[in-house]
């Protein structure tokens, strides 16, 4: 295989996470591909009125992308819409942009995450079809942390390994896990044992679980983000205040 062929990829399943104009007629894309992870690409001429790429490079739609190049920014050759995914609207659309912003900030480039890709695709489908969008986000956040190497231990105490008791209160400390609540509010976030067991089972029907899991995931993700502000999260919060 020649070097040119090794740097050419054909019909790879991917989603566009973000795009912005480049020069007069082109776009820069940040895509999430199943086999190659997150990649940057230039789509030359994509903004021309008669471009074959115009109207194809949509967020939250499965695409088959072909590209070439080995530098930091590859060159898109072609894109084919795969269909089968309803367009996100309203709050579901904002939730989708939140997912994309998480991936843009937490995934390194050229680092494949095939299982996370499959779960992202499933999550986008759930956002389009299910009413409990908050539960869908919590499930995705938990899977994302697991893919990044920070799987949550939600059924055992840190250190002792004792089983979490639904009726007890705990404090969840970043990078340590669940600790018995000894009244020291300087350590971790207060969380009910039932909340953690519900999260382990991906069950967010209990209002207390829904609220506490949202607070816990926010603390854990903020730690991974290292102080970065997620603009979509702030926008969703502002809209909820209206």
C-alpha atoms as a PDB file:
ATOM      1  CA  UNK A   1       0.000   0.000   0.000  1.00  0.00           C
ATOM      2  CA  UNK A   2       1.386   3.382  -0.981  1.00  0.00           C
ATOM      3  CA  UNK A   3       1.692   6.261   1.484  1.00  0.00           C
ATOM      4  CA  UNK A   4      -1.007   8.136  -0.442  1.00  0.00           C
ATOM      5  CA  UNK A   5      -3.453   5.227  -0.049  1.00  0.00           C
ATOM      6  CA  UNK A   6      -2.676   4.877   3.659  1.00  0.00           C
ATOM      7  CA  UNK A   7      -3.692   8.508   4.135  1.00  0.00           C
ATOM      8  CA  UNK A   8      -6.956   8.096   2.200  1.00  0.00           C
ATOM      9  CA  UNK A   9     -10.091   6.873   3.956  1.00  0.00           C
ATOM     10  CA  UNK A  10     -13.272   5.903   2.172  1.00  0.00           C
ATOM     11  CA  UNK A  11     -16.877   5.825   3.400  1.00  0.00           C
ATOM     12  CA  UNK A  12     -16.240   6.143   7.128  1.00  0.00           C
ATOM     13  CA  UNK A  13     -19.275   6.546   9.399  1.00  0.00           C
ATOM     14  CA  UNK A  14     -19.155   9.918  11.192  1.00  0.00           C
ATOM     15  CA  UNK A  15     -21.091  12.846  12.653  1.00  0.00           C
ATOM     16  CA  UNK A  16     -20.306  16.553  12.300  1.00  0.00           C
ATOM     17  CA  UNK A  17     -19.788  18.062  15.758  1.00  0.00           C
ATOM     18  CA  UNK A  18     -19.037  21.628  14.701  1.00  0.00           C
ATOM     19  CA  UNK A  19     -18.333  23.660  11.575  1.00  0.00           C
ATOM     20  CA  UNK A  20     -17.355  27.213  10.747  1.00  0.00           C
ATOM     21  CA  UNK A  21     -16.602  29.195   7.573  1.00  0.00           C
ATOM     22  CA  UNK A  22     -13.096  29.073   6.105  1.00  0.00           C
ATOM     23  CA  UNK A  23     -11.992  31.539   3.463  1.00  0.00           C
ATOM     24  CA  UNK A  24     -14.646  32.501   0.924  1.00  0.00           C
ATOM     25  CA  UNK A  25     -16.340  29.207   0.060  1.00  0.00           C
ATOM     26  CA  UNK A  26     -15.068  26.484   2.388  1.00  0.00           C
ATOM     27  CA  UNK A  27     -15.786  25.068   5.842  1.00  0.00           C
ATOM     28  CA  UNK A  28     -13.671  23.721   8.667  1.00  0.00           C
ATOM     29  CA  UNK A  29     -15.323  20.683  10.252  1.00  0.00           C
ATOM     30  CA  UNK A  30     -14.793  18.952  13.561  1.00  0.00           C
ATOM     31  CA  UNK A  31     -16.149  15.425  13.082  1.00  0.00           C
ATOM     32  CA  UNK A  32     -16.538  12.358  15.278  1.00  0.00           C
ATOM     33  CA  UNK A  33     -15.818   9.223  13.251  1.00  0.00           C
ATOM     34  CA  UNK A  34     -16.346   5.685  14.457  1.00  0.00           C
ATOM     35  CA  UNK A  35     -13.004   4.266  13.346  1.00  0.00           C
ATOM     36  CA  UNK A  36     -10.724   7.281  13.790  1.00  0.00           C
ATOM     37  CA  UNK A  37     -12.215   9.355  16.607  1.00  0.00           C
ATOM     38  CA  UNK A  38     -12.392  13.145  16.478  1.00  0.00           C
ATOM     39  CA  UNK A  39     -10.852  14.755  13.382  1.00  0.00           C
ATOM     40  CA  UNK A  40     -10.557  18.205  11.830  1.00  0.00           C
ATOM     41  CA  UNK A  41     -11.240  18.544   8.105  1.00  0.00           C
ATOM     42  CA  UNK A  42     -11.496  21.243   5.498  1.00  0.00           C
ATOM     43  CA  UNK A  43     -14.482  20.948   3.153  1.00  0.00           C
ATOM     44  CA  UNK A  44     -13.298  22.922   0.148  1.00  0.00           C
ATOM     45  CA  UNK A  45     -16.004  24.773  -1.743  1.00  0.00           C
ATOM     46  CA  UNK A  46     -18.738  23.423   0.540  1.00  0.00           C
ATOM     47  CA  UNK A  47     -20.415  26.842   0.733  1.00  0.00           C
ATOM     48  CA  UNK A  48     -20.712  27.276  -3.012  1.00  0.00           C
ATOM     49  CA  UNK A  49     -24.347  27.234  -4.200  1.00  0.00           C
ATOM     50  CA  UNK A  50     -23.845  24.186  -6.428  1.00  0.00           C
ATOM     51  CA  UNK A  51     -21.513  22.220  -4.177  1.00  0.00           C
ATOM     52  CA  UNK A  52     -22.408  18.544  -3.701  1.00  0.00           C
ATOM     53  CA  UNK A  53     -21.589  19.027  -0.013  1.00  0.00           C
ATOM     54  CA  UNK A  54     -24.028  21.875   0.511  1.00  0.00           C
ATOM     55  CA  UNK A  55     -26.895  20.773   2.734  1.00  0.00           C
ATOM     56  CA  UNK A  56     -25.253  17.420   3.512  1.00  0.00           C
ATOM     57  CA  UNK A  57     -22.852  18.369   6.330  1.00  0.00           C
ATOM     58  CA  UNK A  58     -25.530  18.596   9.029  1.00  0.00           C
ATOM     59  CA  UNK A  59     -25.191  18.094  12.767  1.00  0.00           C
ATOM     60  CA  UNK A  60     -26.794  14.978  14.324  1.00  0.00           C
ATOM     61  CA  UNK A  61     -27.139  13.186  10.993  1.00  0.00           C
ATOM     62  CA  UNK A  62     -25.133  10.005  10.232  1.00  0.00           C
ATOM     63  CA  UNK A  63     -22.795  10.519   7.303  1.00  0.00           C
ATOM     64  CA  UNK A  64     -20.368   8.451   5.270  1.00  0.00           C
ATOM     65  CA  UNK A  65     -17.273  10.624   4.857  1.00  0.00           C
ATOM     66  CA  UNK A  66     -14.257  10.124   2.602  1.00  0.00           C
ATOM     67  CA  UNK A  67     -11.085  12.143   3.163  1.00  0.00           C
ATOM     68  CA  UNK A  68      -7.353  12.231   2.571  1.00  0.00           C
ATOM     69  CA  UNK A  69      -4.289  13.766   4.166  1.00  0.00           C
ATOM     70  CA  UNK A  70      -2.249  13.098   7.289  1.00  0.00           C
ATOM     71  CA  UNK A  71      -1.764  16.544   8.834  1.00  0.00           C
ATOM     72  CA  UNK A  72      -3.708  18.121  11.665  1.00  0.00           C
ATOM     73  CA  UNK A  73      -6.462  19.103   9.213  1.00  0.00           C
ATOM     74  CA  UNK A  74      -7.481  16.529   6.613  1.00  0.00           C
ATOM     75  CA  UNK A  75      -9.246  17.305   3.343  1.00  0.00           C
ATOM     76  CA  UNK A  76     -12.812  16.091   2.876  1.00  0.00           C
ATOM     77  CA  UNK A  77     -13.363  14.371  -0.455  1.00  0.00           C
ATOM     78  CA  UNK A  78     -17.041  13.410  -0.287  1.00  0.00           C
ATOM     79  CA  UNK A  79     -19.971  13.085   2.111  1.00  0.00           C
ATOM     80  CA  UNK A  80     -23.091  10.953   1.831  1.00  0.00           C
ATOM     81  CA  UNK A  81     -26.121  11.381   4.082  1.00  0.00           C
ATOM     82  CA  UNK A  82     -27.278   8.054   5.580  1.00  0.00           C
ATOM     83  CA  UNK A  83     -30.749   9.138   6.726  1.00  0.00           C
ATOM     84  CA  UNK A  84     -32.841   7.359   9.334  1.00  0.00           C
ATOM     85  CA  UNK A  85     -32.356  10.006  12.023  1.00  0.00           C
ATOM     86  CA  UNK A  86     -35.101  12.590  12.637  1.00  0.00           C
ATOM     87  CA  UNK A  87     -33.951  16.197  12.911  1.00  0.00           C
ATOM     88  CA  UNK A  88     -33.628  17.445  16.475  1.00  0.00           C
ATOM     89  CA  UNK A  89     -35.829  20.379  17.417  1.00  0.00           C
ATOM     90  CA  UNK A  90     -36.396  22.657  20.410  1.00  0.00           C
ATOM     91  CA  UNK A  91     -34.897  21.500  23.696  1.00  0.00           C
ATOM     92  CA  UNK A  92     -33.704  18.244  22.094  1.00  0.00           C
ATOM     93  CA  UNK A  93     -31.599  20.312  19.684  1.00  0.00           C
ATOM     94  CA  UNK A  94     -30.000  22.259  22.547  1.00  0.00           C
ATOM     95  CA  UNK A  95     -29.282  18.970  24.332  1.00  0.00           C
ATOM     96  CA  UNK A  96     -27.632  17.695  21.161  1.00  0.00           C
ATOM     97  CA  UNK A  97     -25.354  20.717  21.001  1.00  0.00           C
ATOM     98  CA  UNK A  98     -24.488  20.096  24.666  1.00  0.00           C
ATOM     99  CA  UNK A  99     -23.383  16.547  23.781  1.00  0.00           C
ATOM    100  CA  UNK A 100     -21.251  17.887  20.947  1.00  0.00           C
ATOM    101  CA  UNK A 101     -19.623  20.484  23.176  1.00  0.00           C
ATOM    102  CA  UNK A 102     -18.740  17.794  25.706  1.00  0.00           C
ATOM    103  CA  UNK A 103     -17.073  15.711  22.991  1.00  0.00           C
ATOM    104  CA  UNK A 104     -15.219  18.708  21.557  1.00  0.00           C
ATOM    105  CA  UNK A 105     -13.794  19.574  24.966  1.00  0.00           C
ATOM    106  CA  UNK A 106     -13.094  16.124  26.392  1.00  0.00           C
ATOM    107  CA  UNK A 107     -12.035  13.912  23.470  1.00  0.00           C
ATOM    108  CA  UNK A 108      -8.485  14.102  22.141  1.00  0.00           C
ATOM    109  CA  UNK A 109      -8.123  14.101  18.369  1.00  0.00           C
ATOM    110  CA  UNK A 110      -7.203  10.905  16.505  1.00  0.00           C
ATOM    111  CA  UNK A 111      -8.260   8.749  19.469  1.00  0.00           C
ATOM    112  CA  UNK A 112     -10.934   6.202  18.439  1.00  0.00           C
ATOM    113  CA  UNK A 113     -13.842   5.484  20.794  1.00  0.00           C
ATOM    114  CA  UNK A 114     -16.034   3.064  18.867  1.00  0.00           C
ATOM    115  CA  UNK A 115     -18.346   2.191  21.770  1.00  0.00           C
ATOM    116  CA  UNK A 116     -18.810   5.854  22.639  1.00  0.00           C
ATOM    117  CA  UNK A 117     -19.577   6.606  18.991  1.00  0.00           C
ATOM    118  CA  UNK A 118     -22.288   3.941  18.992  1.00  0.00           C
ATOM    119  CA  UNK A 119     -23.701   5.295  22.243  1.00  0.00           C
ATOM    120  CA  UNK A 120     -23.643   8.855  20.876  1.00  0.00           C
ATOM    121  CA  UNK A 121     -25.656   7.696  17.878  1.00  0.00           C
ATOM    122  CA  UNK A 122     -28.147   5.946  20.185  1.00  0.00           C
ATOM    123  CA  UNK A 123     -28.372   9.053  22.383  1.00  0.00           C
ATOM    124  CA  UNK A 124     -29.158  11.333  19.442  1.00  0.00           C
ATOM    125  CA  UNK A 125     -31.913   8.894  18.471  1.00  0.00           C
ATOM    126  CA  UNK A 126     -33.279   8.946  22.046  1.00  0.00           C
ATOM    127  CA  UNK A 127     -33.285  12.751  22.119  1.00  0.00           C
ATOM    128  CA  UNK A 128     -35.465  12.758  19.026  1.00  0.00           C
ATOM    129  CA  UNK A 129     -37.943  10.193  20.358  1.00  0.00           C
ATOM    130  CA  UNK A 130     -38.047  10.291  24.176  1.00  0.00           C
ATOM    131  CA  UNK A 131     -39.530  12.943  26.425  1.00  0.00           C
ATOM    132  CA  UNK A 132     -37.161  12.578  29.408  1.00  0.00           C
ATOM    133  CA  UNK A 133     -34.198  14.330  27.863  1.00  0.00           C
ATOM    134  CA  UNK A 134     -32.500  14.926  31.217  1.00  0.00           C
ATOM    135  CA  UNK A 135     -32.308  11.171  31.841  1.00  0.00           C
ATOM    136  CA  UNK A 136     -30.871  10.693  28.356  1.00  0.00           C
ATOM    137  CA  UNK A 137     -28.142  13.242  29.103  1.00  0.00           C
ATOM    138  CA  UNK A 138     -27.257  11.613  32.450  1.00  0.00           C
ATOM    139  CA  UNK A 139     -26.849   8.236  30.757  1.00  0.00           C
ATOM    140  CA  UNK A 140     -24.575   9.715  28.111  1.00  0.00           C
ATOM    141  CA  UNK A 141     -22.493  11.660  30.650  1.00  0.00           C
ATOM    142  CA  UNK A 142     -21.915   8.475  32.649  1.00  0.00           C
ATOM    143  CA  UNK A 143     -20.839   6.532  29.554  1.00  0.00           C
ATOM    144  CA  UNK A 144     -18.569   9.385  28.455  1.00  0.00           C
ATOM    145  CA  UNK A 145     -16.737   9.427  31.792  1.00  0.00           C
ATOM    146  CA  UNK A 146     -16.344   5.659  31.586  1.00  0.00           C
ATOM    147  CA  UNK A 147     -14.801   5.940  28.095  1.00  0.00           C
ATOM    148  CA  UNK A 148     -12.395   8.579  29.387  1.00  0.00           C
ATOM    149  CA  UNK A 149     -11.215   6.208  32.108  1.00  0.00           C
ATOM    150  CA  UNK A 150     -13.252   7.659  34.986  1.00  0.00           C
ATOM    151  CA  UNK A 151     -15.933   5.024  35.436  1.00  0.00           C
ATOM    152  CA  UNK A 152     -18.152   5.824  38.403  1.00  0.00           C
ATOM    153  CA  UNK A 153     -18.324   3.284  41.218  1.00  0.00           C
ATOM    154  CA  UNK A 154     -21.889   3.739  42.394  1.00  0.00           C
ATOM    155  CA  UNK A 155     -22.616   0.537  44.290  1.00  0.00           C
ATOM    156  CA  UNK A 156     -19.615   0.384  46.656  1.00  0.00           C
ATOM    157  CA  UNK A 157     -18.000   2.691  49.183  1.00  0.00           C
ATOM    158  CA  UNK A 158     -14.540   3.970  48.314  1.00  0.00           C
ATOM    159  CA  UNK A 159     -11.821   2.271  50.348  1.00  0.00           C
ATOM    160  CA  UNK A 160     -13.908  -0.183  52.378  1.00  0.00           C
ATOM    161  CA  UNK A 161     -15.761  -1.679  49.413  1.00  0.00           C
ATOM    162  CA  UNK A 162     -18.945  -1.925  51.483  1.00  0.00           C
ATOM    163  CA  UNK A 163     -22.169  -2.092  49.483  1.00  0.00           C
ATOM    164  CA  UNK A 164     -24.031   1.203  49.147  1.00  0.00           C
ATOM    165  CA  UNK A 165     -27.209   1.248  51.229  1.00  0.00           C
ATOM    166  CA  UNK A 166     -30.197   2.990  49.671  1.00  0.00           C
ATOM    167  CA  UNK A 167     -31.390   4.440  52.987  1.00  0.00           C
ATOM    168  CA  UNK A 168     -28.030   6.003  53.951  1.00  0.00           C
ATOM    169  CA  UNK A 169     -26.477   9.362  53.070  1.00  0.00           C
ATOM    170  CA  UNK A 170     -23.015   9.608  51.536  1.00  0.00           C
ATOM    171  CA  UNK A 171     -20.616  12.182  50.162  1.00  0.00           C
ATOM    172  CA  UNK A 172     -19.190  11.606  46.678  1.00  0.00           C
ATOM    173  CA  UNK A 173     -15.611  12.886  46.393  1.00  0.00           C
ATOM    174  CA  UNK A 174     -14.046  13.539  42.969  1.00  0.00           C
ATOM    175  CA  UNK A 175     -11.415  10.896  42.094  1.00  0.00           C
ATOM    176  CA  UNK A 176     -12.260   8.914  45.242  1.00  0.00           C
ATOM    177  CA  UNK A 177     -15.896   7.899  45.104  1.00  0.00           C
ATOM    178  CA  UNK A 178     -18.635   7.458  47.688  1.00  0.00           C
ATOM    179  CA  UNK A 179     -17.699   8.016  51.325  1.00  0.00           C
ATOM    180  CA  UNK A 180     -19.807   7.676  54.489  1.00  0.00           C
ATOM    181  CA  UNK A 181     -21.307  11.031  55.457  1.00  0.00           C
ATOM    182  CA  UNK A 182     -19.514  11.974  58.674  1.00  0.00           C
ATOM    183  CA  UNK A 183     -20.892  15.512  58.728  1.00  0.00           C
ATOM    184  CA  UNK A 184     -17.788  17.129  57.185  1.00  0.00           C
ATOM    185  CA  UNK A 185     -19.248  19.306  54.414  1.00  0.00           C
ATOM    186  CA  UNK A 186     -15.750  20.089  53.105  1.00  0.00           C
ATOM    187  CA  UNK A 187     -15.503  16.619  51.574  1.00  0.00           C
ATOM    188  CA  UNK A 188     -17.427  15.739  48.446  1.00  0.00           C
ATOM    189  CA  UNK A 189     -21.020  16.304  47.425  1.00  0.00           C
ATOM    190  CA  UNK A 190     -23.905  14.987  49.567  1.00  0.00           C
ATOM    191  CA  UNK A 191     -25.808  12.244  47.773  1.00  0.00           C
ATOM    192  CA  UNK A 192     -28.320   9.609  48.829  1.00  0.00           C
ATOM    193  CA  UNK A 193     -27.461   5.949  48.550  1.00  0.00           C
ATOM    194  CA  UNK A 194     -30.657   5.426  46.542  1.00  0.00           C
ATOM    195  CA  UNK A 195     -29.523   8.064  44.044  1.00  0.00           C
ATOM    196  CA  UNK A 196     -26.278   6.223  43.363  1.00  0.00           C
ATOM    197  CA  UNK A 197     -27.997   2.859  43.023  1.00  0.00           C
ATOM    198  CA  UNK A 198     -30.545   4.405  40.662  1.00  0.00           C
ATOM    199  CA  UNK A 199     -27.716   5.911  38.599  1.00  0.00           C
ATOM    200  CA  UNK A 200     -25.974   2.535  38.432  1.00  0.00           C
ATOM    201  CA  UNK A 201     -29.198   1.141  36.948  1.00  0.00           C
ATOM    202  CA  UNK A 202     -29.730   4.179  34.634  1.00  0.00           C
ATOM    203  CA  UNK A 203     -33.047   4.823  36.400  1.00  0.00           C
ATOM    204  CA  UNK A 204     -33.822   8.542  36.784  1.00  0.00           C
ATOM    205  CA  UNK A 205     -37.560   8.366  37.397  1.00  0.00           C
ATOM    206  CA  UNK A 206     -37.294   9.418  41.072  1.00  0.00           C
ATOM    207  CA  UNK A 207     -37.307  13.269  41.267  1.00  0.00           C
ATOM    208  CA  UNK A 208     -34.650  13.214  44.014  1.00  0.00           C
ATOM    209  CA  UNK A 209     -32.431  10.987  41.872  1.00  0.00           C
ATOM    210  CA  UNK A 210     -32.937  13.259  38.865  1.00  0.00           C
ATOM    211  CA  UNK A 211     -31.882  16.338  40.845  1.00  0.00           C
ATOM    212  CA  UNK A 212     -28.947  14.815  42.726  1.00  0.00           C
ATOM    213  CA  UNK A 213     -27.575  12.990  39.682  1.00  0.00           C
ATOM    214  CA  UNK A 214     -27.594  16.269  37.750  1.00  0.00           C
ATOM    215  CA  UNK A 215     -25.589  17.964  40.524  1.00  0.00           C
ATOM    216  CA  UNK A 216     -23.141  15.063  40.809  1.00  0.00           C
ATOM    217  CA  UNK A 217     -22.500  14.800  37.075  1.00  0.00           C
ATOM    218  CA  UNK A 218     -21.967  18.555  36.879  1.00  0.00           C
ATOM    219  CA  UNK A 219     -19.274  18.381  39.598  1.00  0.00           C
ATOM    220  CA  UNK A 220     -17.535  15.425  37.949  1.00  0.00           C
ATOM    221  CA  UNK A 221     -17.630  16.896  34.447  1.00  0.00           C
ATOM    222  CA  UNK A 222     -16.456  20.295  35.648  1.00  0.00           C
ATOM    223  CA  UNK A 223     -13.446  18.558  37.147  1.00  0.00           C
ATOM    224  CA  UNK A 224     -12.646  16.917  33.803  1.00  0.00           C
ATOM    225  CA  UNK A 225     -13.204  20.180  31.934  1.00  0.00           C
ATOM    226  CA  UNK A 226     -10.649  21.939  34.120  1.00  0.00           C
ATOM    227  CA  UNK A 227     -12.590  25.177  34.403  1.00  0.00           C
ATOM    228  CA  UNK A 228     -13.834  25.393  30.805  1.00  0.00           C
ATOM    229  CA  UNK A 229     -17.331  26.858  30.491  1.00  0.00           C
ATOM    230  CA  UNK A 230     -19.844  24.945  28.395  1.00  0.00           C
ATOM    231  CA  UNK A 231     -21.805  27.597  26.516  1.00  0.00           C
ATOM    232  CA  UNK A 232     -24.733  25.303  25.700  1.00  0.00           C
ATOM    233  CA  UNK A 233     -25.140  24.402  29.381  1.00  0.00           C
ATOM    234  CA  UNK A 234     -25.291  28.086  30.304  1.00  0.00           C
ATOM    235  CA  UNK A 235     -27.793  28.764  27.525  1.00  0.00           C
ATOM    236  CA  UNK A 236     -30.053  25.897  28.652  1.00  0.00           C
ATOM    237  CA  UNK A 237     -29.933  27.239  32.226  1.00  0.00           C
ATOM    238  CA  UNK A 238     -30.892  30.714  30.997  1.00  0.00           C
ATOM    239  CA  UNK A 239     -33.794  29.341  28.947  1.00  0.00           C
ATOM    240  CA  UNK A 240     -35.097  27.426  31.969  1.00  0.00           C
ATOM    241  CA  UNK A 241     -35.295  30.714  33.886  1.00  0.00           C
ATOM    242  CA  UNK A 242     -37.588  32.362  31.336  1.00  0.00           C
END
